[in-house]
Protein backbone atom coordinates (compact mmCIF):
# COMPACT_ATOMS: atom_id res chain seq x y z
CA MET A 1 -0.11 0.01 -0.05
CA ASP A 2 1.53 3.44 -1.00
CA LEU A 3 -0.16 5.73 1.71
CA THR A 4 1.47 8.77 -0.22
CA LYS A 5 -1.30 8.34 -2.75
CA ILE A 6 -4.09 8.20 -0.18
CA LEU A 7 -5.65 11.71 0.24
CA THR A 8 -6.15 11.13 4.09
CA GLU A 9 -2.41 10.40 4.55
CA THR A 10 -1.04 13.41 2.95
CA ARG A 11 0.30 16.37 4.95
CA ASN A 12 -1.66 19.40 5.41
CA PRO A 13 -0.01 22.59 4.37
CA ASN A 14 -2.02 24.74 6.80
CA THR A 15 -0.70 22.89 9.95
CA MET A 16 2.98 22.37 9.31
CA GLU A 17 3.88 24.68 12.18
CA ILE A 18 1.29 23.57 14.55
CA ASP A 19 3.55 22.29 17.24
CA THR A 20 5.11 25.83 17.45
CA LEU A 21 1.70 27.41 18.15
CA SER A 22 0.05 28.80 21.39
CA THR A 23 -2.67 26.53 22.72
CA GLU A 24 -5.35 28.81 21.70
CA ASP A 25 -3.75 29.31 18.02
CA MET A 26 -3.37 25.59 17.86
CA LEU A 27 -7.01 24.94 18.68
CA LYS A 28 -8.14 27.64 16.04
CA LYS A 29 -6.19 25.65 13.45
CA ILE A 30 -8.12 22.59 14.34
CA ASN A 31 -11.38 24.31 14.30
CA GLU A 32 -10.53 26.04 10.91
CA GLU A 33 -10.06 22.51 9.46
CA ASP A 34 -13.10 21.13 11.10
CA GLN A 35 -15.21 23.90 9.34
CA THR A 36 -14.39 22.34 6.12
CA VAL A 37 -15.98 18.99 6.91
CA ALA A 38 -19.62 19.74 6.62
CA LEU A 39 -18.92 21.33 3.09
CA ALA A 40 -17.23 18.08 1.96
CA VAL A 41 -20.25 16.05 3.16
CA GLY A 42 -22.54 18.44 1.52
CA LYS A 43 -21.08 17.38 -1.92
CA THR A 44 -22.04 13.68 -1.32
CA ILE A 45 -25.70 14.18 -0.63
CA SER A 46 -27.02 12.95 -3.83
CA VAL A 47 -25.26 9.65 -3.26
CA ILE A 48 -26.35 9.52 0.48
CA ALA A 49 -29.87 9.96 -0.88
CA LYS A 50 -29.70 6.77 -3.05
CA VAL A 51 -28.55 4.65 -0.06
CA VAL A 52 -31.37 6.17 2.19
CA ASP A 53 -33.90 5.08 -0.40
CA SER A 54 -32.33 1.64 -0.42
CA ILE A 55 -32.34 1.40 3.27
CA VAL A 56 -36.04 2.32 3.49
CA GLU A 57 -37.03 0.00 0.81
CA LYS A 58 -35.15 -2.97 2.26
CA MET A 59 -36.30 -2.28 5.84
CA GLU A 60 -40.18 -1.98 4.63
CA ASP A 61 -39.38 -5.59 3.02
CA GLY A 62 -37.99 -6.99 6.35
CA GLY A 63 -34.44 -6.19 5.66
CA ARG A 64 -31.63 -4.72 7.63
CA LEU A 65 -28.94 -1.96 7.78
CA LEU A 66 -25.54 -3.37 8.48
CA TYR A 67 -22.39 -1.29 9.13
CA ILE A 68 -18.86 -2.80 9.08
CA GLY A 69 -15.49 -1.15 9.73
CA ALA A 70 -12.29 -1.32 11.75
CA GLY A 71 -10.94 0.91 14.41
CA THR A 72 -12.48 4.58 14.58
CA SER A 73 -14.78 3.65 11.57
CA GLY A 74 -16.16 0.64 13.14
CA ARG A 75 -16.69 2.58 16.47
CA LEU A 76 -18.58 5.21 14.67
CA GLY A 77 -20.80 2.44 13.17
CA ILE A 78 -21.60 1.07 16.55
CA LEU A 79 -22.18 4.62 17.93
CA ASP A 80 -24.90 5.09 15.23
CA ALA A 81 -26.50 1.77 15.46
CA SER A 82 -26.79 1.71 19.22
CA GLU A 83 -28.69 4.98 19.17
CA CYS A 84 -31.63 3.74 16.94
CA PRO A 85 -33.44 1.66 19.37
CA PRO A 86 -33.92 4.30 22.18
CA THR A 87 -34.53 7.06 19.60
CA TYR A 88 -36.75 5.37 17.24
CA SER A 89 -37.94 2.20 18.80
CA THR A 90 -36.08 -0.02 16.20
CA ASP A 91 -35.60 -3.65 16.81
CA PRO A 92 -31.94 -3.99 17.81
CA GLU A 93 -31.44 -6.39 14.99
CA LYS A 94 -32.71 -3.86 12.17
CA VAL A 95 -29.54 -1.72 12.45
CA VAL A 96 -26.49 -3.66 13.14
CA ALA A 97 -22.80 -2.61 13.62
CA ILE A 98 -19.81 -5.00 13.06
CA ILE A 99 -16.17 -4.12 14.21
CA ALA A 100 -13.04 -5.89 13.26
CA GLY A 101 -11.76 -7.65 16.35
CA GLY A 102 -15.22 -8.05 17.73
CA GLU A 103 -16.37 -6.47 21.08
CA GLN A 104 -13.08 -6.07 22.68
CA ALA A 105 -11.94 -3.77 19.81
CA ILE A 106 -14.95 -1.28 20.77
CA GLN A 107 -12.68 -0.17 23.71
CA TYR A 108 -9.26 -1.51 23.03
CA PRO A 109 -6.95 -0.98 19.87
CA MET A 110 -6.81 -4.11 17.71
CA GLU A 111 -5.15 -2.59 14.81
CA GLY A 112 -4.09 -5.96 13.21
CA ALA A 113 -7.79 -7.04 13.00
CA GLU A 114 -8.24 -4.60 10.00
CA ASP A 115 -5.79 -6.65 7.77
CA ASP A 116 -7.86 -9.80 7.83
CA GLU A 117 -10.11 -9.74 4.88
CA GLU A 118 -11.25 -13.37 5.55
CA ALA A 119 -12.54 -12.28 8.78
CA GLY A 120 -14.65 -9.66 6.99
CA ILE A 121 -16.14 -12.32 4.68
CA GLU A 122 -16.99 -14.43 7.64
CA GLU A 123 -18.71 -11.73 9.47
CA ILE A 124 -21.08 -11.29 6.46
CA CYS A 125 -21.69 -15.00 6.38
CA VAL A 126 -22.43 -15.33 10.21
CA HIS A 127 -24.88 -12.45 9.96
CA GLN A 128 -26.54 -14.28 6.99
CA VAL A 129 -26.67 -11.20 4.88
CA SER A 130 -29.09 -11.44 1.85
CA SER A 131 -30.57 -9.48 -0.92
CA LYS A 132 -32.88 -7.96 1.73
CA ASP A 133 -30.14 -5.98 3.47
CA VAL A 134 -27.92 -2.94 2.80
CA VAL A 135 -24.27 -3.23 3.80
CA VAL A 136 -22.40 -0.01 4.42
CA GLY A 137 -18.48 -0.20 4.70
CA ILE A 138 -16.85 2.45 6.51
CA ALA A 139 -13.13 3.21 6.14
CA ALA A 140 -11.37 6.74 5.75
CA SER A 141 -8.75 5.29 3.30
CA GLY A 142 -11.28 2.97 1.50
CA ARG A 143 -8.44 0.37 1.48
CA THR A 144 -9.14 -1.67 4.65
CA PRO A 145 -8.86 -5.40 3.68
CA TYR A 146 -11.29 -6.57 6.51
CA THR A 147 -13.97 -4.01 5.22
CA ILE A 148 -13.33 -4.94 1.50
CA GLY A 149 -13.70 -8.58 2.33
CA ALA A 150 -17.10 -7.88 3.86
CA LEU A 151 -18.25 -5.59 0.94
CA LYS A 152 -17.24 -8.29 -1.57
CA GLU A 153 -19.05 -11.01 0.35
CA ALA A 154 -22.22 -8.91 0.70
CA LYS A 155 -22.44 -7.99 -2.95
CA LYS A 156 -21.89 -11.58 -3.91
CA ARG A 157 -25.00 -12.41 -1.63
CA GLY A 158 -27.11 -9.75 -3.49
CA ALA A 159 -27.10 -7.17 -0.69
CA VAL A 160 -27.00 -3.37 -1.72
CA THR A 161 -23.65 -2.06 -0.94
CA ALA A 162 -22.31 1.24 0.14
CA SER A 163 -18.88 2.67 1.04
CA ILE A 164 -18.32 5.62 3.26
CA VAL A 165 -14.49 6.89 2.54
CA CYS A 166 -12.54 10.11 2.45
CA SER A 167 -10.30 9.29 -0.50
CA PRO A 168 -11.50 9.07 -4.02
CA ASN A 169 -11.02 6.09 -6.28
CA SER A 170 -10.56 3.73 -3.43
CA PRO A 171 -10.95 -0.19 -3.56
CA MET A 172 -14.02 -0.04 -1.49
CA GLY A 173 -15.53 2.36 -3.84
CA GLN A 174 -14.91 0.43 -6.73
CA ILE A 175 -16.73 -2.51 -5.10
CA ALA A 176 -19.81 -0.81 -3.65
CA ASP A 177 -23.02 -0.07 -5.37
CA HIS A 178 -22.64 3.42 -4.14
CA ASP A 179 -19.57 5.27 -3.22
CA ILE A 180 -19.81 8.06 -0.72
CA VAL A 181 -16.73 10.05 -0.91
CA ALA A 182 -16.30 12.84 1.71
CA GLU A 183 -13.02 14.49 0.48
CA VAL A 184 -12.07 16.19 3.68
CA GLY A 185 -8.41 16.52 2.60
CA PRO A 186 -5.30 16.08 4.79
CA GLU A 187 -5.70 15.89 8.53
CA VAL A 188 -4.44 18.43 10.99
CA VAL A 189 -2.04 15.68 12.25
CA THR A 190 -0.96 13.61 9.22
CA GLY A 191 -2.94 10.24 9.09
CA SER A 192 -4.93 10.96 12.21
CA THR A 193 -8.26 10.02 10.49
CA ARG A 194 -10.24 9.91 13.76
CA MET A 195 -10.38 13.88 13.26
CA LYS A 196 -11.75 15.24 10.06
CA ALA A 197 -12.56 11.87 8.35
CA GLY A 198 -14.15 10.72 11.43
CA THR A 199 -16.15 13.70 11.73
CA ALA A 200 -17.46 13.36 8.21
CA GLN A 201 -18.30 9.69 8.66
CA LYS A 202 -20.19 10.61 11.92
CA LEU A 203 -22.28 13.36 9.86
CA ILE A 204 -22.95 10.72 6.99
CA LEU A 205 -23.94 8.06 9.36
CA ASN A 206 -26.36 10.52 11.02
CA MET A 207 -27.87 11.39 7.76
CA LEU A 208 -28.35 7.67 6.78
CA THR A 209 -30.24 6.73 9.80
CA THR A 210 -32.10 9.87 10.63
CA ALA A 211 -33.42 10.22 6.95
CA SER A 212 -34.44 6.48 6.81
CA MET A 213 -36.30 6.76 10.07
CA ILE A 214 -38.16 9.81 8.87
CA LYS A 215 -39.12 8.17 5.70
CA LEU A 216 -40.16 5.09 7.73
CA GLY A 217 -42.71 7.17 9.63
CA LYS A 218 -40.60 7.39 12.91
CA VAL A 219 -40.76 11.35 12.86
CA TYR A 220 -43.78 13.52 12.68
CA SER A 221 -42.93 17.11 11.75
CA ASN A 222 -39.42 17.16 13.61
CA LEU A 223 -40.57 15.20 16.70
CA MET A 224 -39.44 11.67 17.40
CA VAL A 225 -42.81 10.02 17.94
CA ASP A 226 -41.34 6.62 18.14
CA VAL A 227 -38.98 7.56 21.02
CA MET A 228 -38.73 4.57 23.64
CA PRO A 229 -39.66 5.93 27.05
CA SER A 230 -37.16 3.53 28.82
CA ASN A 231 -35.74 6.12 31.35
CA GLU A 232 -36.77 9.18 33.27
CA LYS A 233 -35.39 11.61 30.68
CA LEU A 234 -37.05 9.69 27.88
CA LYS A 235 -40.32 9.59 29.60
CA ILE A 236 -40.11 13.23 30.22
CA ARG A 237 -39.31 13.88 26.47
CA SER A 238 -42.25 11.55 25.37
CA ARG A 239 -44.70 13.48 27.43
CA ASN A 240 -43.20 16.80 26.06
CA ILE A 241 -43.66 15.42 22.53
CA ILE A 242 -47.00 14.52 23.11
CA MET A 243 -47.97 17.90 24.64
CA GLU A 244 -46.33 19.57 21.63
CA ALA A 245 -47.85 17.49 18.85
CA ALA A 246 -51.34 17.28 20.36
CA ASP A 247 -51.67 20.61 22.05
CA ALA A 248 -52.31 18.66 25.23
CA SER A 249 -51.96 19.44 28.82
CA GLU A 250 -49.38 17.61 30.89
CA GLU A 251 -51.98 15.66 32.64
CA GLU A 252 -53.52 14.51 29.24
CA ALA A 253 -50.22 13.57 28.08
CA ILE A 254 -49.21 11.44 30.98
CA GLN A 255 -52.77 9.82 30.92
CA ALA A 256 -52.49 9.05 27.02
CA LEU A 257 -48.95 7.80 27.35
CA ASP A 258 -50.12 5.40 30.29
CA THR A 259 -53.15 4.22 28.35
CA HIS A 260 -51.14 3.56 25.05
CA GLY A 261 -47.74 2.86 26.22
CA ALA A 262 -46.17 4.81 23.44
CA VAL A 263 -45.97 8.33 22.03
CA LYS A 264 -47.38 7.87 18.51
CA PRO A 265 -50.72 6.10 19.45
CA ALA A 266 -51.01 8.65 22.38
CA ILE A 267 -50.77 11.55 19.93
CA LEU A 268 -53.25 10.03 17.43
CA SER A 269 -55.84 9.31 20.16
CA LEU A 270 -55.72 12.62 21.55
CA LEU A 271 -56.00 14.39 18.18
CA THR A 272 -58.67 12.05 16.94
CA GLY A 273 -60.61 10.89 19.88
CA LEU A 274 -60.26 7.25 18.84
CA GLY A 275 -59.97 4.47 21.22
CA LYS A 276 -56.83 2.23 21.83
CA GLU A 277 -57.92 -0.66 19.33
CA ASP A 278 -59.01 1.90 16.57
CA VAL A 279 -55.71 3.92 16.87
CA ALA A 280 -53.60 0.65 16.73
CA GLU A 281 -55.46 -0.43 13.72
CA LEU A 282 -55.22 2.92 11.99
CA LEU A 283 -51.35 3.12 12.51
CA LYS A 284 -51.19 -0.51 11.35
CA GLN A 285 -52.90 0.50 8.07
CA HIS A 286 -50.72 3.20 7.39
CA LYS A 287 -47.40 1.61 8.25
CA GLY A 288 -46.75 3.67 11.40
CA HIS A 289 -47.01 6.86 9.47
CA LEU A 290 -48.63 9.35 11.94
CA ARG A 291 -49.30 12.18 9.31
CA ALA A 292 -50.99 9.53 6.91
CA ALA A 293 -53.13 8.15 9.90
CA LEU A 294 -54.23 11.42 10.88
CA LYS A 295 -55.37 12.48 7.35
CA ALA A 296 -57.24 9.20 7.02
CA ALA A 297 -59.03 9.78 10.46
CA VAL A 298 -60.24 13.31 9.41
CA LYS A 299 -61.52 11.99 5.80
CA SER A 300 -63.58 9.30 7.61
């Protein structure tokens, strides 16, 4: 591997003297570089949109979204996947994250694991990936053997494949159906891709799941109406969402949440006056889309 030809491994001309700067000037340099990341991600939106549409299509057909990566890239996938159940009440098996080296690699560096292409292939086999799934490989360089192996096997099995990389013309990009390339340029510290590249990856992962969940009906207006009230903070958030969406009092929101056990049916009941069974049936008919269920209730 010739690292000099990988964009994220080149030296940044703007930070050549960073080790001579005061603490404040050093931080300003880092911040200046960080400000370029969102613009780089913005240039990839047309490709991200295609991946989102594939995720929605596959999930509606019972499929899954799987992230796979090594090191920082793998950890970012785990972070995004782990937030979906509490935020959108998704089944933990619907958005799955796989990291080279397994659970131990979440906390401890296992750098050698990324070089094992066969291990990436094996993970796709173990997770029984099929044509119902979307598999997203994550790697700043786009050249991680473990992730390349996973993408090859996923594509062989008929899954929709995508790559999130920060260097153009990468091996991962050449394999994947959709190549999301956020060209963030050289890092502040040469090769430290946990910085700008990692930030870009996080932004893209946020987009993939957030946009998919919105299209799957888990957001009404800009409210997370499928939030899981599993702790005190989320119970309060759930109550506040019901109050906001249904223009209800705190007492009405608490009572509706107790009755229906979830935010979405509570809102629908308060806005339509329908009982528990009718609310459940209406949401079922409209695949959980609250806006569509409300329109149907008004028409009837």
